[in-house]
């Protein structure tokens, strides 16, 4: 049993322009650091396929999907919000990213691999049911959750989102769904400035103040999440893995280090060991310091790959 690593060259073709933080080089930085540490030899590399229209419809309505199709340009760029641009290769990359999450769920649930990491872009957790924003078009982790619940007929799915920006899109989609427990940590007050106080019972928020020390972050997350997760007894855990809480990240103001992401992953692995038969699917969200991103993802993978 191994960790599946999903990657595709076409993830790098989506390019929102010079100086944009959500850039193709993010994938390059991760792949380079994995190669430097020789971790790549221990992973089960998987080339994903595009998600189908029917699978997208489990989360996003046809009207929204059609709107995105109409907006995608044949050349140049079109902005869907001030931060989020589409180009000719964007929806192909987004369908591959979403498809990788579906395949990852299938491979983990069928015991082909122990767990999986989806090294994809564009990310997904800001995409609401009918709205693209925050660099996101399709909500990858919500699509993975629906795959686990519908196709694999699970009763309880946990989503853990440790991106520094709240996953408003995921909250919009899964809020109130008692089959899903979403545990989230994020800098607050901060982008996207929504969904923090509209809290359904299945949404467990751990808002973190700017400048918070890493040890205080750990205490806040542990006290907010662990008992809720243990009581919920998830059958699979999905991770929106954003690494932009690192102290070097230019997009936020937290002080996490690589070891804090290792600690987070170990905590999640422990819950998965207790209740989910070690089943974890993690998908890349934010992280914009290329050095910190490569190092943090590698630490995350090292913990996932140590599970047997």
Protein backbone atom coordinates (compact mmCIF):
# COMPACT_ATOMS: atom_id res chain seq x y z
CA UNK A 1 0.00 0.00 0.00
CA UNK A 2 1.29 3.42 -0.97
CA UNK A 3 0.43 7.08 -1.35
CA UNK A 4 -0.97 7.96 -4.76
CA UNK A 5 0.36 11.23 -6.20
CA UNK A 6 -1.82 12.80 -8.90
CA UNK A 7 -0.15 15.15 -11.36
CA UNK A 8 -0.56 16.23 -14.98
CA UNK A 9 1.41 18.50 -17.30
CA UNK A 10 -1.77 20.34 -18.28
CA UNK A 11 -2.10 21.77 -14.76
CA UNK A 12 0.75 24.09 -15.76
CA UNK A 13 -0.98 25.39 -18.90
CA UNK A 14 -3.49 27.35 -16.82
CA UNK A 15 -1.75 30.71 -16.43
CA UNK A 16 -3.56 33.77 -15.03
CA UNK A 17 -0.80 36.14 -16.05
CA UNK A 18 2.57 37.54 -14.95
CA UNK A 19 2.86 38.32 -11.24
CA UNK A 20 -0.26 36.30 -10.39
CA UNK A 21 0.45 34.33 -7.18
CA UNK A 22 -1.48 31.23 -8.28
CA UNK A 23 1.08 30.40 -10.94
CA UNK A 24 2.31 27.28 -12.77
CA UNK A 25 5.60 27.49 -10.88
CA UNK A 26 3.77 26.29 -7.75
CA UNK A 27 3.57 22.81 -9.24
CA UNK A 28 7.18 22.96 -10.42
CA UNK A 29 8.35 23.89 -6.91
CA UNK A 30 6.55 20.90 -5.39
CA UNK A 31 7.83 18.43 -7.99
CA UNK A 32 11.39 19.75 -7.67
CA UNK A 33 11.47 19.42 -3.89
CA UNK A 34 9.99 15.92 -4.00
CA UNK A 35 12.73 14.95 -6.47
CA UNK A 36 15.46 16.48 -4.31
CA UNK A 37 14.38 14.44 -1.29
CA UNK A 38 13.99 11.21 -3.32
CA UNK A 39 10.41 10.91 -2.07
CA UNK A 40 9.19 10.58 -5.66
CA UNK A 41 10.44 6.97 -5.75
CA UNK A 42 8.08 5.99 -2.92
CA UNK A 43 4.91 7.45 -4.43
CA UNK A 44 2.41 5.83 -6.80
CA UNK A 45 2.25 8.39 -9.61
CA UNK A 46 -1.14 8.71 -11.31
CA UNK A 47 -2.05 10.74 -14.39
CA UNK A 48 -5.66 11.86 -13.91
CA UNK A 49 -8.50 12.04 -16.39
CA UNK A 50 -11.07 14.81 -16.70
CA UNK A 51 -14.15 14.78 -14.51
CA UNK A 52 -17.39 14.03 -16.35
CA UNK A 53 -20.28 16.47 -16.68
CA UNK A 54 -22.53 14.21 -14.60
CA UNK A 55 -19.95 14.16 -11.80
CA UNK A 56 -19.70 17.96 -11.84
CA UNK A 57 -23.49 18.14 -11.57
CA UNK A 58 -23.36 16.45 -8.15
CA UNK A 59 -22.15 19.82 -6.81
CA UNK A 60 -22.57 22.54 -9.45
CA UNK A 61 -25.81 23.31 -11.36
CA UNK A 62 -25.88 23.10 -15.15
CA UNK A 63 -26.54 26.83 -15.47
CA UNK A 64 -23.23 27.61 -13.74
CA UNK A 65 -21.28 25.02 -15.74
CA UNK A 66 -22.74 26.39 -18.97
CA UNK A 67 -21.82 29.93 -17.92
CA UNK A 68 -18.18 28.91 -17.41
CA UNK A 69 -18.16 27.14 -20.79
CA UNK A 70 -19.42 30.30 -22.50
CA UNK A 71 -16.89 32.51 -20.72
CA UNK A 72 -13.78 30.50 -21.58
CA UNK A 73 -11.90 32.47 -24.24
CA UNK A 74 -10.25 31.06 -27.35
CA UNK A 75 -7.36 33.45 -26.79
CA UNK A 76 -6.25 35.92 -24.13
CA UNK A 77 -7.81 36.05 -20.66
CA UNK A 78 -11.24 36.73 -19.22
CA UNK A 79 -11.68 37.57 -15.53
CA UNK A 80 -14.52 35.96 -13.60
CA UNK A 81 -13.71 38.14 -10.58
CA UNK A 82 -10.87 40.61 -9.87
CA UNK A 83 -8.51 37.78 -8.82
CA UNK A 84 -9.60 34.93 -11.06
CA UNK A 85 -8.88 34.65 -14.78
CA UNK A 86 -9.78 32.12 -17.45
CA UNK A 87 -7.70 31.40 -20.53
CA UNK A 88 -8.08 28.78 -23.28
CA UNK A 89 -6.53 26.00 -21.15
CA UNK A 90 -8.24 26.83 -17.87
CA UNK A 91 -11.30 24.57 -17.87
CA UNK A 92 -9.27 21.61 -19.15
CA UNK A 93 -6.96 22.02 -16.13
CA UNK A 94 -9.93 22.52 -13.79
CA UNK A 95 -11.65 19.37 -15.09
CA UNK A 96 -8.43 17.41 -14.61
CA UNK A 97 -8.04 18.75 -11.06
CA UNK A 98 -11.61 17.77 -10.21
CA UNK A 99 -11.23 14.43 -11.98
CA UNK A 100 -8.08 13.67 -10.01
CA UNK A 101 -10.07 14.08 -6.79
CA UNK A 102 -12.75 11.67 -8.03
CA UNK A 103 -10.10 9.11 -9.04
CA UNK A 104 -8.29 9.55 -5.74
CA UNK A 105 -11.48 8.73 -3.82
CA UNK A 106 -12.05 5.67 -6.00
CA UNK A 107 -8.50 4.38 -5.57
CA UNK A 108 -8.48 4.88 -1.80
CA UNK A 109 -11.96 3.42 -1.31
CA UNK A 110 -11.07 0.35 -3.39
CA UNK A 111 -7.86 -0.15 -1.35
CA UNK A 112 -5.59 0.28 -4.37
CA UNK A 113 -3.61 2.80 -2.30
CA UNK A 114 -3.61 3.80 1.36
CA UNK A 115 -4.10 7.51 0.74
CA UNK A 116 -3.64 10.12 -1.97
CA UNK A 117 -2.37 13.63 -2.66
CA UNK A 118 -3.72 15.60 -5.61
CA UNK A 119 -1.03 18.02 -6.80
CA UNK A 120 -3.35 20.04 -9.00
CA UNK A 121 -4.33 23.53 -9.98
CA UNK A 122 -6.53 25.49 -10.21
CA UNK A 123 -7.52 25.00 -6.57
CA UNK A 124 -11.16 24.67 -5.55
CA UNK A 125 -12.24 25.56 -2.03
CA UNK A 126 -13.39 29.12 -2.82
CA UNK A 127 -15.70 27.95 -5.63
CA UNK A 128 -19.27 28.14 -4.38
CA UNK A 129 -22.12 26.13 -5.83
CA UNK A 130 -22.80 28.75 -8.51
CA UNK A 131 -19.86 31.15 -8.28
CA UNK A 132 -16.17 31.11 -9.19
CA UNK A 133 -13.81 33.20 -7.08
CA UNK A 134 -10.47 33.20 -5.29
CA UNK A 135 -8.61 31.43 -8.14
CA UNK A 136 -11.21 28.57 -8.07
CA UNK A 137 -13.75 27.28 -10.62
CA UNK A 138 -14.92 23.82 -9.50
CA UNK A 139 -14.96 22.83 -5.84
CA UNK A 140 -12.63 19.83 -5.87
CA UNK A 141 -13.02 18.74 -2.25
CA UNK A 142 -16.82 19.01 -2.32
CA UNK A 143 -16.88 16.91 -5.49
CA UNK A 144 -14.71 14.32 -3.74
CA UNK A 145 -17.08 14.31 -0.77
CA UNK A 146 -20.10 13.72 -2.99
CA UNK A 147 -18.29 10.90 -4.75
CA UNK A 148 -17.63 9.20 -1.42
CA UNK A 149 -21.21 9.67 -0.24
CA UNK A 150 -23.07 8.75 -3.42
CA UNK A 151 -20.98 6.34 -5.48
CA UNK A 152 -19.28 4.66 -2.49
CA UNK A 153 -22.35 5.05 -0.25
CA UNK A 154 -20.51 6.22 2.84
CA UNK A 155 -22.44 7.70 5.74
CA UNK A 156 -19.83 10.04 7.24
CA UNK A 157 -17.18 12.12 5.47
CA UNK A 158 -14.88 14.63 7.17
CA UNK A 159 -13.38 17.61 5.36
CA UNK A 160 -10.40 19.33 7.00
CA UNK A 161 -9.39 22.68 5.51
CA UNK A 162 -6.20 24.25 6.90
CA UNK A 163 -5.72 26.84 4.16
CA UNK A 164 -5.09 30.32 5.57
CA UNK A 165 -8.20 31.58 3.74
CA UNK A 166 -11.55 30.16 4.74
CA UNK A 167 -13.03 27.68 2.25
CA UNK A 168 -16.21 29.69 1.74
CA UNK A 169 -17.15 27.65 -1.32
CA UNK A 170 -17.02 24.38 0.57
CA UNK A 171 -19.08 25.87 3.42
CA UNK A 172 -21.61 27.13 0.86
CA UNK A 173 -21.96 23.63 -0.62
CA UNK A 174 -21.77 21.31 2.41
CA UNK A 175 -23.13 23.54 5.20
CA UNK A 176 -26.09 21.77 6.81
CA UNK A 177 -25.30 18.36 5.30
CA UNK A 178 -25.18 16.14 8.39
CA UNK A 179 -23.26 13.46 6.48
CA UNK A 180 -20.26 15.81 6.33
CA UNK A 181 -18.22 17.35 9.16
CA UNK A 182 -16.08 20.25 7.98
CA UNK A 183 -13.27 21.42 10.28
CA UNK A 184 -11.57 24.61 9.16
CA UNK A 185 -8.77 26.89 10.39
CA UNK A 186 -8.13 30.26 8.77
CA UNK A 187 -6.82 33.75 9.45
CA UNK A 188 -9.65 36.02 10.60
CA UNK A 189 -10.69 38.67 9.75
CA UNK A 190 -9.39 38.03 6.24
CA UNK A 191 -10.37 37.15 2.69
CA UNK A 192 -12.99 36.00 1.67
CA UNK A 193 -14.86 37.81 4.49
CA UNK A 194 -17.88 35.52 4.25
CA UNK A 195 -19.46 32.40 5.75
CA UNK A 196 -17.67 32.77 9.09
CA UNK A 197 -20.76 33.59 11.11
CA UNK A 198 -23.35 31.75 8.98
CA UNK A 199 -22.36 28.58 10.74
CA UNK A 200 -24.28 25.34 10.27
CA UNK A 201 -23.90 22.69 13.00
CA UNK A 202 -21.61 20.60 10.78
CA UNK A 203 -19.10 23.44 10.23
CA UNK A 204 -16.40 23.67 12.91
CA UNK A 205 -14.42 26.91 12.56
CA UNK A 206 -11.11 27.75 14.22
CA UNK A 207 -10.53 31.42 13.31
CA UNK A 208 -6.93 32.54 13.92
CA UNK A 209 -5.73 36.10 14.48
CA UNK A 210 -2.97 37.54 12.31
CA UNK A 211 0.44 37.15 13.91
CA UNK A 212 -0.65 34.18 16.03
CA UNK A 213 2.26 32.10 17.31
CA UNK A 214 2.46 28.58 15.93
CA UNK A 215 2.04 26.99 19.36
CA UNK A 216 -1.19 28.95 19.89
CA UNK A 217 -2.38 27.87 16.44
CA UNK A 218 -1.83 24.24 17.40
CA UNK A 219 -3.76 24.65 20.64
CA UNK A 220 -6.68 26.34 18.89
CA UNK A 221 -6.95 23.71 16.18
CA UNK A 222 -6.60 20.78 18.55
CA UNK A 223 -9.27 22.07 20.93
CA UNK A 224 -11.69 22.93 18.11
CA UNK A 225 -11.34 19.81 15.98
CA UNK A 226 -10.15 16.65 17.67
CA UNK A 227 -13.10 15.75 19.89
CA UNK A 228 -15.57 16.66 17.13
CA UNK A 229 -13.73 14.41 14.68
CA UNK A 230 -13.47 11.54 17.14
CA UNK A 231 -17.17 11.78 17.98
CA UNK A 232 -18.12 11.97 14.29
CA UNK A 233 -16.10 8.83 13.40
CA UNK A 234 -15.46 9.70 9.73
CA UNK A 235 -15.20 6.84 7.26
CA UNK A 236 -12.87 8.86 5.05
CA UNK A 237 -11.06 12.17 5.56
CA UNK A 238 -10.66 14.74 2.79
CA UNK A 239 -8.12 17.55 3.18
CA UNK A 240 -8.15 20.98 1.56
CA UNK A 241 -4.41 21.37 1.96
CA UNK A 242 -3.42 25.02 1.78
CA UNK A 243 0.12 25.85 2.87
CA UNK A 244 -0.23 29.64 2.84
CA UNK A 245 -0.22 29.90 6.64
CA UNK A 246 3.57 29.51 6.49
CA UNK A 247 5.45 32.51 7.89
CA UNK A 248 7.18 33.08 4.52
CA UNK A 249 3.95 33.22 2.54
CA UNK A 250 3.31 36.65 0.97
CA UNK A 251 -0.49 36.28 1.00
CA UNK A 252 -1.15 36.04 4.75
CA UNK A 253 0.09 36.83 8.24
CA UNK A 254 0.38 33.59 10.19
CA UNK A 255 3.62 32.10 11.50
CA UNK A 256 3.45 28.40 10.73
CA UNK A 257 6.56 26.41 9.86
CA UNK A 258 7.07 23.17 7.95
CA UNK A 259 6.95 21.25 11.25
CA UNK A 260 3.47 22.64 11.94
CA UNK A 261 2.21 21.14 8.67
CA UNK A 262 3.87 17.87 9.63
CA UNK A 263 2.06 18.05 12.99
CA UNK A 264 -1.27 18.81 11.32
CA UNK A 265 -0.87 15.83 9.01
CA UNK A 266 0.07 13.52 11.89
CA UNK A 267 -3.03 14.61 13.80
CA UNK A 268 -5.26 13.90 10.80
CA UNK A 269 -3.55 10.55 10.18
CA UNK A 270 -4.24 9.60 13.80
CA UNK A 271 -7.97 10.24 13.41
CA UNK A 272 -8.01 8.35 10.11
CA UNK A 273 -6.27 5.42 11.79
CA UNK A 274 -8.89 5.34 14.55
CA UNK A 275 -11.99 5.56 12.38
CA UNK A 276 -11.36 5.65 8.63
CA UNK A 277 -9.12 2.66 7.97
CA UNK A 278 -6.33 5.18 7.20
CA UNK A 279 -8.29 6.57 4.23
CA UNK A 280 -7.23 10.15 3.40
CA UNK A 281 -7.46 12.15 0.17
CA UNK A 282 -5.60 15.47 0.27
CA UNK A 283 -5.87 18.11 -2.46
CA UNK A 284 -3.69 21.18 -2.97
CA UNK A 285 -5.25 24.56 -2.28
CA UNK A 286 -3.09 27.62 -1.48
CA UNK A 287 0.60 28.23 -0.81
CA UNK A 288 2.43 31.04 -2.60
CA UNK A 289 5.97 31.08 -1.26
CA UNK A 290 7.52 28.59 -3.65
CA UNK A 291 10.24 27.53 -1.19
CA UNK A 292 7.83 27.09 1.72
CA UNK A 293 5.29 25.34 -0.50
CA UNK A 294 7.75 22.73 -1.77
CA UNK A 295 9.07 22.01 1.71
CA UNK A 296 5.64 21.91 3.37
CA UNK A 297 4.05 19.64 0.78
CA UNK A 298 7.02 17.29 1.06
CA UNK A 299 6.58 17.09 4.84
CA UNK A 300 2.84 16.47 4.35
CA UNK A 301 3.62 13.67 1.90
CA UNK A 302 6.27 12.11 4.11
CA UNK A 303 3.69 11.65 6.87
CA UNK A 304 1.05 10.31 4.47
CA UNK A 305 3.57 7.92 2.93
CA UNK A 306 4.60 6.58 6.36
CA UNK A 307 1.14 5.01 6.89
CA UNK A 308 1.05 1.26 6.30
